């Protein structure tokens, strides 16, 4: 049982290290983090409902998580095949497309939550 707990604590440490690496080394996640902070401030300013908060937090988490997975796919692809390769490019484009889809959904959700409050 003690071994299990120690392994879980180490896993949390590795995950935290991954978040720090992601935020300190990747420009795209810095943009996502800034937007997440900005929209969180907007949530307080416009006094959004509990349901809107839950959806907003889920969407921020979704976009940042998918961005992290995209970065991992890109780093792994570059490690496996550092030279230009059409198949690797295809894989990287699909991963970037997933980020794009989540970002579009985030914009739509943001419009649903904030446009009625702004206008």
Protein backbone atom coordinates (compact mmCIF):
# COMPACT_ATOMS: atom_id res chain seq x y z
CA UNK A 1 0.00 0.00 0.00
CA UNK A 2 2.82 2.43 0.84
CA UNK A 3 4.47 1.67 -2.52
CA UNK A 4 1.20 2.47 -4.30
CA UNK A 5 0.93 5.84 -2.52
CA UNK A 6 4.56 6.72 -3.24
CA UNK A 7 4.07 5.89 -6.93
CA UNK A 8 0.93 8.06 -7.10
CA UNK A 9 2.77 10.97 -5.46
CA UNK A 10 5.60 10.60 -8.00
CA UNK A 11 3.03 10.51 -10.82
CA UNK A 12 1.55 13.80 -9.64
CA UNK A 13 5.06 15.26 -9.53
CA UNK A 14 5.74 14.16 -13.12
CA UNK A 15 2.41 15.60 -14.24
CA UNK A 16 3.18 18.92 -12.52
CA UNK A 17 6.61 18.95 -14.17
CA UNK A 18 4.88 18.41 -17.53
CA UNK A 19 2.58 21.39 -16.96
CA UNK A 20 5.55 23.58 -16.01
CA UNK A 21 7.50 22.46 -19.09
CA UNK A 22 4.50 23.06 -21.31
CA UNK A 23 3.80 26.55 -19.97
CA UNK A 24 7.46 27.65 -19.91
CA UNK A 25 8.52 26.32 -23.32
CA UNK A 26 5.53 26.50 -25.66
CA UNK A 27 4.27 29.80 -27.07
CA UNK A 28 0.89 28.37 -28.09
CA UNK A 29 0.03 27.26 -24.55
CA UNK A 30 1.08 30.68 -23.24
CA UNK A 31 -1.52 32.22 -25.56
CA UNK A 32 -4.13 29.70 -24.38
CA UNK A 33 -3.25 30.41 -20.73
CA UNK A 34 -3.53 34.17 -21.28
CA UNK A 35 -6.92 33.74 -22.96
CA UNK A 36 -8.05 31.45 -20.14
CA UNK A 37 -7.09 34.05 -17.54
CA UNK A 38 -8.73 36.83 -19.57
CA UNK A 39 -12.00 34.93 -19.95
CA UNK A 40 -11.93 34.03 -16.24
CA UNK A 41 -11.68 37.73 -15.38
CA UNK A 42 -14.56 38.36 -17.80
CA UNK A 43 -16.55 35.71 -15.92
CA UNK A 44 -16.16 37.62 -12.68
CA UNK A 45 -16.91 40.94 -14.37
CA UNK A 46 -20.11 39.69 -16.01
CA UNK A 47 -21.09 37.60 -12.98
CA UNK A 48 -21.74 34.45 -15.00
CA UNK A 49 -23.88 31.67 -13.50
CA UNK A 50 -22.59 28.50 -11.85
CA UNK A 51 -23.50 26.51 -14.93
CA UNK A 52 -21.68 28.98 -17.18
CA UNK A 53 -18.63 28.75 -14.87
CA UNK A 54 -18.63 24.95 -15.10
CA UNK A 55 -18.86 25.02 -18.89
CA UNK A 56 -16.24 27.76 -19.16
CA UNK A 57 -13.78 25.89 -16.93
CA UNK A 58 -14.36 22.66 -18.87
CA UNK A 59 -13.74 24.43 -22.18
CA UNK A 60 -10.56 26.13 -20.93
CA UNK A 61 -9.34 22.76 -19.66
CA UNK A 62 -10.27 21.08 -22.93
CA UNK A 63 -8.39 23.55 -25.11
CA UNK A 64 -5.30 23.54 -22.91
CA UNK A 65 -5.30 19.73 -22.62
CA UNK A 66 -5.63 19.23 -26.37
CA UNK A 67 -2.87 21.80 -26.89
CA UNK A 68 -0.66 19.80 -24.54
CA UNK A 69 -1.40 16.56 -26.40
CA UNK A 70 -0.69 18.31 -29.71
CA UNK A 71 2.67 19.47 -28.37
CA UNK A 72 3.49 15.93 -27.20
CA UNK A 73 2.59 14.49 -30.62
CA UNK A 74 4.73 17.11 -32.37
CA UNK A 75 7.74 16.54 -30.08
CA UNK A 76 7.47 12.77 -30.46
CA UNK A 77 7.13 13.02 -34.24
CA UNK A 78 10.15 15.33 -34.45
CA UNK A 79 12.15 12.93 -32.27
CA UNK A 80 11.23 9.89 -34.35
CA UNK A 81 11.75 11.57 -37.71
CA UNK A 82 13.59 14.95 -37.45
CA UNK A 83 13.70 15.48 -41.22
CA UNK A 84 10.68 16.55 -43.25
CA UNK A 85 8.39 13.62 -43.93
CA UNK A 86 4.93 13.75 -45.49
CA UNK A 87 3.51 11.06 -43.19
CA UNK A 88 4.84 12.79 -40.07
CA UNK A 89 3.47 16.09 -41.42
CA UNK A 90 0.07 14.44 -41.86
CA UNK A 91 0.10 13.24 -38.24
CA UNK A 92 1.14 16.67 -36.96
CA UNK A 93 -1.55 18.38 -39.05
CA UNK A 94 -4.24 16.11 -37.59
CA UNK A 95 -3.06 16.90 -34.05
CA UNK A 96 -3.09 20.62 -34.84
CA UNK A 97 -6.57 20.19 -36.33
CA UNK A 98 -7.78 18.79 -33.00
CA UNK A 99 -6.57 21.96 -31.27
CA UNK A 100 -8.31 24.05 -33.91
CA UNK A 101 -11.60 22.20 -33.38
CA UNK A 102 -11.43 22.70 -29.61
CA UNK A 103 -10.57 26.39 -30.08
CA UNK A 104 -13.54 26.91 -32.44
CA UNK A 105 -15.84 25.23 -29.90
CA UNK A 106 -14.37 27.50 -27.20
CA UNK A 107 -15.15 30.60 -29.27
CA UNK A 108 -18.71 29.41 -29.88
CA UNK A 109 -19.25 28.70 -26.17
CA UNK A 110 -17.73 32.08 -25.30
CA UNK A 111 -20.12 33.80 -27.69
CA UNK A 112 -23.10 31.93 -26.22
CA UNK A 113 -22.11 32.95 -22.69
CA UNK A 114 -20.90 36.53 -23.24
CA UNK A 115 -22.67 38.06 -26.24
CA UNK A 116 -26.05 38.29 -24.44
CA UNK A 117 -24.30 39.93 -21.47
CA UNK A 118 -22.38 42.41 -23.62
CA UNK A 119 -25.33 43.43 -25.84
